[in-house]
Amino acid sequence: MSLTHLLYLHGFRSSPASAKARRMAAWAAEQPGLTFECPQLPPSPLAAMTLVTERVAGWPGQGVAVIGSSLGGFYATWLAERPAHRGWRVGLLNPAVDPARDLARHIGTLTAWHDPALQFDFTAAHVAELAALTPPARLTQPSRYYALIAKGDELLDWREMFTRYAGCDGKVLAGSDHGLTDFDDHLPGLVRHLLG
């Protein structure tokens, strides 16, 4: 398959400045004719998905891939399960499975990882928006998905990720961490899947 469009969705409190986002941007820049998007997602899940939906509105039904890290993995799953996007390939990096549950304890004023000067309010309304975005329990065509899951993830339970994305392509790492500091080692497998 020829990949013409690639979307990267970062995680909670993260940004396009994350190491994985920058690595994918560098990879995309080396691919002739590939359109790459990695928007800064607002704290509101509803606003984030509205922004993303608008960005990809003109994208084709085939030749497209979306990569999501952590909360971005939850968003990527939601996006890929929409009828217009069911031909897209999906890459998930330690994907959040139930962010409404997990992030309910983080309500308050927070700072961004890559710019501590940037503060934002995360509210109960945002948690409700996450719950409303929950994708279907059963994935259409699990073979479209590639899940990179680290047993060493210090924030999310790898067993929950493994169960959620059972039947999908991917790799379970014996160690690593939530940020996948060894991401470069696993990039070839991810790219192979996205290219089909």
N, C-alpha and C. Protein backbone atom coordinates (compact mmCIF):
# COMPACT_ATOMS: atom_id res chain seq x y z
N MET A 1 0.84 -1.20 0.00
CA MET A 1 0.00 0.00 0.00
C MET A 1 0.88 1.25 0.00
N SER A 2 0.43 2.25 -0.70
CA SER A 2 1.14 3.53 -0.70
C SER A 2 0.52 4.44 0.37
N LEU A 3 1.36 4.91 1.28
CA LEU A 3 0.89 5.77 2.36
C LEU A 3 0.98 7.23 1.90
N THR A 4 -0.17 7.91 1.87
CA THR A 4 -0.19 9.30 1.40
C THR A 4 -0.39 10.30 2.52
N HIS A 5 -1.01 9.85 3.64
CA HIS A 5 -1.31 10.74 4.76
C HIS A 5 -1.03 10.04 6.08
N LEU A 6 -0.41 10.76 7.01
CA LEU A 6 -0.11 10.21 8.33
C LEU A 6 -0.46 11.25 9.39
N LEU A 7 -1.23 10.81 10.37
CA LEU A 7 -1.65 11.67 11.49
C LEU A 7 -1.05 11.11 12.77
N TYR A 8 -0.45 11.99 13.59
CA TYR A 8 0.09 11.58 14.89
C TYR A 8 -0.68 12.32 15.98
N LEU A 9 -1.20 11.56 16.95
CA LEU A 9 -1.94 12.15 18.07
C LEU A 9 -1.18 11.90 19.37
N HIS A 10 -0.74 12.98 20.01
CA HIS A 10 0.05 12.88 21.23
C HIS A 10 -0.83 12.56 22.44
N GLY A 11 -0.18 12.30 23.56
CA GLY A 11 -0.88 11.92 24.78
C GLY A 11 -1.26 13.09 25.67
N PHE A 12 -1.81 12.75 26.82
CA PHE A 12 -2.27 13.73 27.81
C PHE A 12 -1.09 14.53 28.33
N ARG A 13 -1.23 15.84 28.37
CA ARG A 13 -0.19 16.78 28.82
C ARG A 13 1.03 16.78 27.90
N SER A 14 0.93 16.11 26.76
CA SER A 14 2.05 16.05 25.83
C SER A 14 1.86 17.06 24.70
N SER A 15 2.65 16.93 23.63
CA SER A 15 2.60 17.90 22.55
C SER A 15 3.35 17.37 21.33
N PRO A 16 3.31 18.10 20.21
CA PRO A 16 4.10 17.71 19.05
C PRO A 16 5.61 17.76 19.32
N ALA A 17 6.01 18.28 20.48
CA ALA A 17 7.43 18.34 20.83
C ALA A 17 7.92 17.06 21.51
N SER A 18 7.04 16.09 21.71
CA SER A 18 7.47 14.84 22.36
C SER A 18 8.47 14.12 21.46
N ALA A 19 9.28 13.27 22.08
CA ALA A 19 10.33 12.57 21.33
C ALA A 19 9.73 11.70 20.22
N LYS A 20 8.64 10.99 20.52
CA LYS A 20 8.03 10.10 19.52
C LYS A 20 7.40 10.90 18.38
N ALA A 21 6.74 12.01 18.73
CA ALA A 21 6.13 12.85 17.69
C ALA A 21 7.20 13.43 16.77
N ARG A 22 8.30 13.89 17.36
CA ARG A 22 9.39 14.45 16.55
C ARG A 22 10.04 13.37 15.69
N ARG A 23 10.15 12.16 16.24
CA ARG A 23 10.75 11.06 15.46
C ARG A 23 9.87 10.71 14.26
N MET A 24 8.55 10.69 14.47
CA MET A 24 7.64 10.38 13.36
C MET A 24 7.63 11.51 12.33
N ALA A 25 7.74 12.76 12.80
CA ALA A 25 7.80 13.90 11.88
C ALA A 25 9.05 13.80 11.01
N ALA A 26 10.17 13.40 11.62
CA ALA A 26 11.42 13.25 10.86
C ALA A 26 11.30 12.13 9.84
N TRP A 27 10.69 11.01 10.26
CA TRP A 27 10.49 9.89 9.33
C TRP A 27 9.60 10.32 8.17
N ALA A 28 8.50 11.00 8.50
CA ALA A 28 7.55 11.44 7.47
C ALA A 28 8.21 12.39 6.47
N ALA A 29 9.11 13.24 6.96
CA ALA A 29 9.78 14.21 6.09
C ALA A 29 10.66 13.52 5.04
N GLU A 30 11.04 12.28 5.33
CA GLU A 30 11.88 11.53 4.39
C GLU A 30 11.07 10.76 3.35
N GLN A 31 9.73 10.76 3.51
CA GLN A 31 8.86 10.01 2.59
C GLN A 31 8.28 10.96 1.55
N PRO A 32 8.67 10.79 0.27
CA PRO A 32 8.18 11.71 -0.77
C PRO A 32 6.65 11.71 -0.87
N GLY A 33 6.09 12.91 -0.88
CA GLY A 33 4.65 13.06 -1.10
C GLY A 33 3.77 12.71 0.08
N LEU A 34 4.37 12.47 1.25
CA LEU A 34 3.56 12.10 2.42
C LEU A 34 3.12 13.35 3.18
N THR A 35 1.81 13.49 3.37
CA THR A 35 1.26 14.58 4.19
C THR A 35 1.28 14.14 5.64
N PHE A 36 1.91 14.94 6.52
CA PHE A 36 2.01 14.61 7.93
C PHE A 36 1.36 15.70 8.77
N GLU A 37 0.52 15.29 9.70
CA GLU A 37 -0.12 16.24 10.62
C GLU A 37 0.09 15.77 12.05
N CYS A 38 0.47 16.68 12.92
CA CYS A 38 0.59 16.39 14.35
C CYS A 38 0.13 17.63 15.11
N PRO A 39 -1.18 17.80 15.23
CA PRO A 39 -1.69 19.02 15.88
C PRO A 39 -1.51 19.02 17.39
N GLN A 40 -1.39 20.22 17.96
CA GLN A 40 -1.42 20.38 19.41
C GLN A 40 -2.87 20.20 19.84
N LEU A 41 -3.14 19.19 20.63
CA LEU A 41 -4.52 18.89 21.03
C LEU A 41 -4.91 19.69 22.27
N PRO A 42 -6.08 20.32 22.25
CA PRO A 42 -6.54 21.07 23.43
C PRO A 42 -6.94 20.11 24.56
N PRO A 43 -7.02 20.60 25.80
CA PRO A 43 -7.36 19.74 26.93
C PRO A 43 -8.75 19.10 26.81
N SER A 44 -9.69 19.80 26.18
CA SER A 44 -11.04 19.26 26.02
C SER A 44 -11.03 18.14 24.98
N PRO A 45 -11.40 16.91 25.36
CA PRO A 45 -11.44 15.82 24.39
C PRO A 45 -12.38 16.11 23.21
N LEU A 46 -13.52 16.74 23.50
CA LEU A 46 -14.46 17.07 22.43
C LEU A 46 -13.85 18.07 21.46
N ALA A 47 -13.19 19.10 22.00
CA ALA A 47 -12.53 20.08 21.15
C ALA A 47 -11.38 19.45 20.37
N ALA A 48 -10.66 18.51 21.03
CA ALA A 48 -9.54 17.83 20.36
C ALA A 48 -10.03 17.03 19.17
N MET A 49 -11.11 16.28 19.36
CA MET A 49 -11.61 15.45 18.26
C MET A 49 -12.29 16.27 17.17
N THR A 50 -12.86 17.42 17.56
CA THR A 50 -13.41 18.33 16.55
C THR A 50 -12.28 18.88 15.68
N LEU A 51 -11.19 19.28 16.32
CA LEU A 51 -10.02 19.79 15.61
C LEU A 51 -9.46 18.74 14.66
N VAL A 52 -9.27 17.52 15.16
CA VAL A 52 -8.71 16.44 14.35
C VAL A 52 -9.63 16.09 13.19
N THR A 53 -10.91 16.00 13.46
CA THR A 53 -11.88 15.67 12.41
C THR A 53 -11.85 16.71 11.30
N GLU A 54 -11.71 17.96 11.67
CA GLU A 54 -11.63 19.04 10.66
C GLU A 54 -10.33 18.93 9.86
N ARG A 55 -9.22 18.59 10.54
CA ARG A 55 -7.92 18.48 9.86
C ARG A 55 -7.91 17.38 8.81
N VAL A 56 -8.62 16.28 9.07
CA VAL A 56 -8.57 15.12 8.17
C VAL A 56 -9.80 15.03 7.26
N ALA A 57 -10.62 16.06 7.27
CA ALA A 57 -11.90 16.02 6.54
C ALA A 57 -11.71 15.70 5.05
N GLY A 58 -10.66 16.18 4.44
CA GLY A 58 -10.47 15.94 3.02
C GLY A 58 -9.59 14.74 2.70
N TRP A 59 -9.18 13.99 3.73
CA TRP A 59 -8.28 12.86 3.52
C TRP A 59 -9.02 11.68 2.91
N PRO A 60 -8.32 10.84 2.12
CA PRO A 60 -8.97 9.70 1.48
C PRO A 60 -9.29 8.57 2.46
N GLY A 61 -10.07 7.62 2.00
CA GLY A 61 -10.45 6.48 2.84
C GLY A 61 -9.38 5.41 2.89
N GLN A 62 -8.42 5.45 1.97
CA GLN A 62 -7.33 4.47 1.91
C GLN A 62 -6.00 5.23 1.84
N GLY A 63 -4.91 4.54 2.15
CA GLY A 63 -3.59 5.16 2.08
C GLY A 63 -3.32 6.12 3.23
N VAL A 64 -4.08 5.97 4.31
CA VAL A 64 -3.97 6.86 5.47
C VAL A 64 -3.63 6.01 6.70
N ALA A 65 -2.81 6.57 7.58
CA ALA A 65 -2.52 5.92 8.86
C ALA A 65 -2.59 6.95 9.98
N VAL A 66 -3.00 6.49 11.15
CA VAL A 66 -3.01 7.33 12.34
C VAL A 66 -2.25 6.61 13.44
N ILE A 67 -1.36 7.36 14.10
CA ILE A 67 -0.60 6.84 15.24
C ILE A 67 -1.04 7.61 16.47
N GLY A 68 -1.29 6.90 17.55
CA GLY A 68 -1.68 7.56 18.79
C GLY A 68 -0.89 7.02 19.96
N SER A 69 -0.41 7.93 20.80
CA SER A 69 0.35 7.56 21.99
C SER A 69 -0.47 7.83 23.24
N SER A 70 -0.60 6.84 24.11
CA SER A 70 -1.29 6.99 25.38
C SER A 70 -2.74 7.48 25.15
N LEU A 71 -3.12 8.66 25.64
CA LEU A 71 -4.46 9.17 25.37
C LEU A 71 -4.67 9.31 23.86
N GLY A 72 -3.61 9.64 23.13
CA GLY A 72 -3.71 9.72 21.68
C GLY A 72 -4.08 8.39 21.05
N GLY A 73 -3.71 7.27 21.71
CA GLY A 73 -4.10 5.95 21.23
C GLY A 73 -5.60 5.72 21.36
N PHE A 74 -6.17 6.22 22.45
CA PHE A 74 -7.63 6.17 22.64
C PHE A 74 -8.30 7.00 21.56
N TYR A 75 -7.78 8.20 21.32
CA TYR A 75 -8.33 9.07 20.28
C TYR A 75 -8.19 8.42 18.89
N ALA A 76 -7.03 7.81 18.62
CA ALA A 76 -6.80 7.17 17.33
C ALA A 76 -7.80 6.05 17.09
N THR A 77 -8.10 5.29 18.15
CA THR A 77 -9.07 4.20 18.04
C THR A 77 -10.46 4.76 17.75
N TRP A 78 -10.83 5.82 18.45
CA TRP A 78 -12.13 6.46 18.20
C TRP A 78 -12.23 6.92 16.75
N LEU A 79 -11.18 7.56 16.27
CA LEU A 79 -11.17 8.10 14.92
C LEU A 79 -11.23 6.99 13.87
N ALA A 80 -10.43 5.94 14.09
CA ALA A 80 -10.34 4.85 13.11
C ALA A 80 -11.61 4.00 13.06
N GLU A 81 -12.43 4.07 14.10
CA GLU A 81 -13.67 3.31 14.11
C GLU A 81 -14.84 4.08 13.50
N ARG A 82 -14.62 5.33 13.14
CA ARG A 82 -15.67 6.08 12.44
C ARG A 82 -15.82 5.51 11.03
N PRO A 83 -17.04 5.41 10.51
CA PRO A 83 -17.25 4.74 9.22
C PRO A 83 -16.36 5.24 8.08
N ALA A 84 -16.11 6.54 8.01
CA ALA A 84 -15.31 7.09 6.91
C ALA A 84 -13.84 6.70 6.99
N HIS A 85 -13.40 6.21 8.16
CA HIS A 85 -11.97 5.95 8.37
C HIS A 85 -11.64 4.48 8.56
N ARG A 86 -12.58 3.61 8.22
CA ARG A 86 -12.38 2.19 8.50
C ARG A 86 -11.44 1.49 7.52
N GLY A 87 -10.89 2.27 6.58
CA GLY A 87 -9.85 1.75 5.71
C GLY A 87 -8.46 2.17 6.15
N TRP A 88 -8.39 2.96 7.23
CA TRP A 88 -7.11 3.48 7.72
C TRP A 88 -6.35 2.43 8.51
N ARG A 89 -5.02 2.53 8.49
CA ARG A 89 -4.16 1.71 9.34
C ARG A 89 -3.94 2.48 10.64
N VAL A 90 -3.70 1.74 11.73
CA VAL A 90 -3.61 2.36 13.05
C VAL A 90 -2.39 1.85 13.81
N GLY A 91 -1.62 2.77 14.37
CA GLY A 91 -0.50 2.42 15.23
C GLY A 91 -0.75 2.96 16.63
N LEU A 92 -0.64 2.11 17.64
CA LEU A 92 -0.93 2.51 19.01
C LEU A 92 0.30 2.30 19.89
N LEU A 93 0.68 3.33 20.63
CA LEU A 93 1.87 3.29 21.48
C LEU A 93 1.43 3.41 22.93
N ASN A 94 1.46 2.30 23.67
CA ASN A 94 0.95 2.27 25.05
C ASN A 94 -0.40 3.01 25.13
N PRO A 95 -1.40 2.51 24.40
CA PRO A 95 -2.67 3.23 24.31
C PRO A 95 -3.50 3.20 25.59
N ALA A 96 -4.07 4.34 25.95
CA ALA A 96 -5.00 4.41 27.08
C ALA A 96 -6.28 3.65 26.71
N VAL A 97 -6.77 2.85 27.62
CA VAL A 97 -7.97 2.04 27.38
C VAL A 97 -9.20 2.69 27.99
N ASP A 98 -9.08 3.20 29.21
CA ASP A 98 -10.21 3.83 29.91
C ASP A 98 -9.76 5.16 30.53
N PRO A 99 -9.49 6.16 29.67
CA PRO A 99 -8.95 7.42 30.19
C PRO A 99 -9.93 8.19 31.08
N ALA A 100 -11.23 8.00 30.88
CA ALA A 100 -12.19 8.70 31.76
C ALA A 100 -11.98 8.25 33.20
N ARG A 101 -11.78 6.96 33.40
CA ARG A 101 -11.51 6.42 34.74
C ARG A 101 -10.14 6.90 35.25
N ASP A 102 -9.12 6.76 34.41
CA ASP A 102 -7.76 7.04 34.84
C ASP A 102 -7.50 8.53 35.10
N LEU A 103 -8.11 9.39 34.30
CA LEU A 103 -7.81 10.82 34.41
C LEU A 103 -8.75 11.56 35.37
N ALA A 104 -9.76 10.86 35.88
CA ALA A 104 -10.69 11.50 36.83
C ALA A 104 -9.95 12.01 38.06
N ARG A 105 -8.83 11.37 38.41
CA ARG A 105 -8.07 11.80 39.60
C ARG A 105 -7.10 12.93 39.29
N HIS A 106 -7.08 13.38 38.03
CA HIS A 106 -6.17 14.47 37.66
C HIS A 106 -6.88 15.80 37.42
N ILE A 107 -8.12 15.87 37.86
CA ILE A 107 -8.88 17.12 37.69
C ILE A 107 -8.18 18.24 38.46
N GLY A 108 -8.04 19.39 37.80
CA GLY A 108 -7.38 20.53 38.43
C GLY A 108 -6.53 21.29 37.42
N THR A 109 -5.69 22.17 37.92
CA THR A 109 -4.79 22.93 37.05
C THR A 109 -3.51 22.12 36.86
N LEU A 110 -3.17 21.86 35.59
CA LEU A 110 -2.02 21.02 35.26
C LEU A 110 -1.04 21.79 34.39
N THR A 111 0.17 21.23 34.26
CA THR A 111 1.17 21.84 33.37
C THR A 111 1.48 20.87 32.24
N ALA A 112 1.93 21.41 31.12
CA ALA A 112 2.32 20.60 29.97
C ALA A 112 3.71 20.03 30.23
N TRP A 113 3.94 18.77 29.78
CA TRP A 113 5.23 18.12 29.99
C TRP A 113 6.39 18.91 29.36
N HIS A 114 6.18 19.37 28.12
CA HIS A 114 7.29 19.96 27.37
C HIS A 114 7.42 21.47 27.54
N ASP A 115 6.47 22.05 28.28
CA ASP A 115 6.55 23.48 28.57
C ASP A 115 5.86 23.72 29.91
N PRO A 116 6.60 23.56 31.01
CA PRO A 116 6.01 23.71 32.35
C PRO A 116 5.36 25.08 32.58
N ALA A 117 5.70 26.06 31.75
CA ALA A 117 5.10 27.38 31.90
C ALA A 117 3.66 27.39 31.36
N LEU A 118 3.34 26.38 30.56
CA LEU A 118 2.00 26.30 29.98
C LEU A 118 1.08 25.53 30.92
N GLN A 119 0.08 26.23 31.46
CA GLN A 119 -0.87 25.60 32.38
C GLN A 119 -2.24 25.51 31.73
N PHE A 120 -3.00 24.51 32.14
CA PHE A 120 -4.38 24.38 31.64
C PHE A 120 -5.23 23.73 32.72
N ASP A 121 -6.53 23.96 32.64
CA ASP A 121 -7.47 23.36 33.58
C ASP A 121 -8.08 22.10 32.98
N PHE A 122 -8.00 21.02 33.74
CA PHE A 122 -8.65 19.77 33.34
C PHE A 122 -9.82 19.55 34.28
N THR A 123 -11.02 19.42 33.72
CA THR A 123 -12.25 19.49 34.52
C THR A 123 -13.06 18.20 34.48
N ALA A 124 -14.07 18.15 35.35
CA ALA A 124 -14.99 17.01 35.36
C ALA A 124 -15.74 16.92 34.03
N ALA A 125 -15.98 18.07 33.41
CA ALA A 125 -16.65 18.07 32.09
C ALA A 125 -15.77 17.38 31.05
N HIS A 126 -14.45 17.56 31.16
CA HIS A 126 -13.53 16.89 30.23
C HIS A 126 -13.57 15.37 30.43
N VAL A 127 -13.67 14.93 31.67
CA VAL A 127 -13.77 13.50 31.96
C VAL A 127 -15.05 12.94 31.34
N ALA A 128 -16.14 13.68 31.46
CA ALA A 128 -17.41 13.25 30.86
C ALA A 128 -17.30 13.18 29.34
N GLU A 129 -16.57 14.12 28.74
CA GLU A 129 -16.35 14.09 27.28
C GLU A 129 -15.58 12.83 26.88
N LEU A 130 -14.59 12.46 27.68
CA LEU A 130 -13.83 11.23 27.40
C LEU A 130 -14.74 10.02 27.43
N ALA A 131 -15.58 9.95 28.44
CA ALA A 131 -16.51 8.81 28.57
C ALA A 131 -17.43 8.73 27.36
N ALA A 132 -17.86 9.88 26.86
CA ALA A 132 -18.76 9.92 25.71
C ALA A 132 -18.07 9.49 24.41
N LEU A 133 -16.75 9.62 24.37
CA LEU A 133 -15.98 9.26 23.17
C LEU A 133 -15.57 7.80 23.13
N THR A 134 -15.88 7.03 24.17
CA THR A 134 -15.41 5.65 24.24
C THR A 134 -15.77 4.88 22.98
N PRO A 135 -14.76 4.32 22.29
CA PRO A 135 -15.03 3.57 21.06
C PRO A 135 -15.75 2.26 21.36
N PRO A 136 -16.31 1.62 20.34
CA PRO A 136 -16.99 0.34 20.56
C PRO A 136 -16.04 -0.71 21.16
N ALA A 137 -16.59 -1.61 21.95
CA ALA A 137 -15.77 -2.64 22.61
C ALA A 137 -15.13 -3.56 21.57
N ARG A 138 -15.85 -3.82 20.48
CA ARG A 138 -15.32 -4.70 19.45
C ARG A 138 -14.80 -3.86 18.28
N LEU A 139 -13.54 -4.05 17.94
CA LEU A 139 -12.93 -3.30 16.85
C LEU A 139 -13.34 -3.88 15.50
N THR A 140 -13.58 -3.00 14.53
CA THR A 140 -13.77 -3.49 13.18
C THR A 140 -12.38 -3.77 12.62
N GLN A 141 -12.18 -4.94 12.09
CA GLN A 141 -10.90 -5.32 11.49
C GLN A 141 -9.70 -5.07 12.42
N PRO A 142 -9.54 -5.87 13.43
CA PRO A 142 -8.38 -5.73 14.32
C PRO A 142 -7.05 -5.77 13.56
N SER A 143 -7.04 -6.40 12.40
CA SER A 143 -5.80 -6.51 11.61
C SER A 143 -5.29 -5.14 11.15
N ARG A 144 -6.15 -4.12 11.19
CA ARG A 144 -5.70 -2.76 10.83
C ARG A 144 -4.81 -2.16 11.91
N TYR A 145 -4.88 -2.72 13.11
CA TYR A 145 -4.23 -2.13 14.28
C TYR A 145 -2.88 -2.77 14.59
N TYR A 146 -1.94 -1.94 15.04
CA TYR A 146 -0.65 -2.40 15.54
C TYR A 146 -0.47 -1.76 16.90
N ALA A 147 -0.36 -2.58 17.94
CA ALA A 147 -0.23 -2.06 19.30
C ALA A 147 1.15 -2.38 19.87
N LEU A 148 1.87 -1.34 20.25
CA LEU A 148 3.17 -1.48 20.90
C LEU A 148 2.93 -1.27 22.39
N ILE A 149 3.07 -2.34 23.16
CA ILE A 149 2.68 -2.34 24.58
C ILE A 149 3.89 -2.70 25.44
N ALA A 150 4.20 -1.84 26.40
CA ALA A 150 5.36 -2.06 27.27
C ALA A 150 4.92 -2.58 28.63
N LYS A 151 5.45 -3.74 29.01
CA LYS A 151 5.17 -4.26 30.35
C LYS A 151 5.73 -3.34 31.43
N GLY A 152 6.74 -2.53 31.06
CA GLY A 152 7.34 -1.61 32.01
C GLY A 152 6.64 -0.27 32.12
N ASP A 153 5.47 -0.13 31.46
CA ASP A 153 4.72 1.12 31.53
C ASP A 153 4.36 1.42 32.98
N GLU A 154 4.83 2.57 33.48
CA GLU A 154 4.61 2.93 34.88
C GLU A 154 3.28 3.64 35.13
N LEU A 155 2.56 3.99 34.06
CA LEU A 155 1.30 4.72 34.21
C LEU A 155 0.06 3.89 33.86
N LEU A 156 0.19 3.02 32.88
CA LEU A 156 -0.96 2.23 32.41
C LEU A 156 -0.67 0.74 32.57
N ASP A 157 -1.73 -0.04 32.74
CA ASP A 157 -1.61 -1.49 32.93
C ASP A 157 -1.49 -2.18 31.58
N TRP A 158 -0.32 -2.79 31.33
CA TRP A 158 -0.10 -3.42 30.04
C TRP A 158 -1.10 -4.54 29.78
N ARG A 159 -1.55 -5.23 30.83
CA ARG A 159 -2.50 -6.34 30.65
C ARG A 159 -3.83 -5.83 30.11
N GLU A 160 -4.25 -4.65 30.56
CA GLU A 160 -5.49 -4.06 30.08
C GLU A 160 -5.36 -3.69 28.59
N MET A 161 -4.21 -3.13 28.23
CA MET A 161 -3.96 -2.80 26.82
C MET A 161 -3.96 -4.06 25.97
N PHE A 162 -3.29 -5.09 26.47
CA PHE A 162 -3.17 -6.36 25.74
C PHE A 162 -4.55 -6.97 25.50
N THR A 163 -5.40 -6.94 26.52
CA THR A 163 -6.75 -7.49 26.40
C THR A 163 -7.59 -6.68 25.42
N ARG A 164 -7.50 -5.36 25.53
CA ARG A 164 -8.30 -4.48 24.67
C ARG A 164 -7.95 -4.68 23.19
N TYR A 165 -6.65 -4.87 22.92
CA TYR A 165 -6.21 -4.97 21.53
C TYR A 165 -5.80 -6.39 21.14
N ALA A 166 -6.44 -7.37 21.80
CA ALA A 166 -6.22 -8.78 21.46
C ALA A 166 -6.62 -8.99 20.01
N GLY A 167 -5.83 -9.76 19.30
CA GLY A 167 -6.14 -10.03 17.89
C GLY A 167 -5.52 -9.02 16.94
N CYS A 168 -4.92 -7.97 17.49
CA CYS A 168 -4.27 -6.96 16.65
C CYS A 168 -2.80 -7.35 16.44
N ASP A 169 -2.22 -6.81 15.39
CA ASP A 169 -0.79 -6.96 15.16
C ASP A 169 -0.07 -6.16 16.25
N GLY A 170 1.21 -6.42 16.43
CA GLY A 170 1.94 -5.60 17.40
C GLY A 170 2.99 -6.36 18.16
N LYS A 171 3.40 -5.78 19.28
CA LYS A 171 4.51 -6.32 20.05
C LYS A 171 4.33 -5.96 21.52
N VAL A 172 4.57 -6.92 22.39
CA VAL A 172 4.59 -6.67 23.83
C VAL A 172 6.05 -6.65 24.26
N LEU A 173 6.47 -5.54 24.83
CA LEU A 173 7.87 -5.37 25.24
C LEU A 173 8.05 -5.82 26.68
N ALA A 174 9.08 -6.57 26.94
CA ALA A 174 9.33 -7.09 28.29
C ALA A 174 9.57 -5.97 29.30
N GLY A 175 10.18 -4.89 28.86
CA GLY A 175 10.48 -3.78 29.77
C GLY A 175 9.96 -2.47 29.22
N SER A 176 10.89 -1.57 28.87
CA SER A 176 10.59 -0.24 28.36
C SER A 176 9.83 0.58 29.41
N ASP A 177 9.09 1.60 28.98
CA ASP A 177 8.39 2.49 29.91
C ASP A 177 7.24 3.16 29.17
N HIS A 178 6.50 4.02 29.89
CA HIS A 178 5.33 4.65 29.27
C HIS A 178 5.72 5.51 28.07
N GLY A 179 6.82 6.21 28.17
CA GLY A 179 7.25 7.09 27.09
C GLY A 179 7.94 6.37 25.94
N LEU A 180 8.15 5.05 26.10
CA LEU A 180 8.85 4.25 25.08
C LEU A 180 10.18 4.92 24.70
N THR A 181 11.06 5.03 25.66
CA THR A 181 12.36 5.67 25.40
C THR A 181 13.18 4.88 24.39
N ASP A 182 12.80 3.61 24.15
CA ASP A 182 13.48 2.80 23.13
C ASP A 182 12.67 2.74 21.83
N PHE A 183 11.88 3.77 21.59
CA PHE A 183 10.96 3.81 20.44
C PHE A 183 11.67 3.53 19.12
N ASP A 184 12.86 4.08 18.95
CA ASP A 184 13.60 3.90 17.70
C ASP A 184 13.81 2.43 17.36
N ASP A 185 14.01 1.61 18.40
CA ASP A 185 14.23 0.18 18.18
C ASP A 185 13.00 -0.50 17.57
N HIS A 186 11.83 0.06 17.82
CA HIS A 186 10.58 -0.58 17.41
C HIS A 186 9.91 0.11 16.22
N LEU A 187 10.52 1.19 15.76
CA LEU A 187 9.96 1.93 14.63
C LEU A 187 9.82 1.08 13.37
N PRO A 188 10.81 0.22 13.02
CA PRO A 188 10.66 -0.57 11.78
C PRO A 188 9.40 -1.44 11.75
N GLY A 189 9.07 -2.08 12.87
CA GLY A 189 7.87 -2.92 12.92
C GLY A 189 6.60 -2.11 12.75
N LEU A 190 6.57 -0.95 13.41
CA LEU A 190 5.42 -0.06 13.30
C LEU A 190 5.22 0.41 11.86
N VAL A 191 6.31 0.86 11.25
CA VAL A 191 6.26 1.38 9.88
C VAL A 191 5.83 0.29 8.90
N ARG A 192 6.36 -0.92 9.12
CA ARG A 192 6.00 -2.04 8.24
C ARG A 192 4.50 -2.27 8.26
N HIS A 193 3.91 -2.18 9.45
CA HIS A 193 2.46 -2.36 9.56
C HIS A 193 1.70 -1.22 8.86
N LEU A 194 2.13 0.01 9.11
CA LEU A 194 1.42 1.16 8.54
C LEU A 194 1.46 1.15 7.02
N LEU A 195 2.54 0.63 6.47
CA LEU A 195 2.66 0.58 5.00
C LEU A 195 1.90 -0.62 4.43
N GLY A 196 1.42 -1.48 5.32
CA GLY A 196 0.60 -2.61 4.88
C GLY A 196 1.40 -3.68 4.17
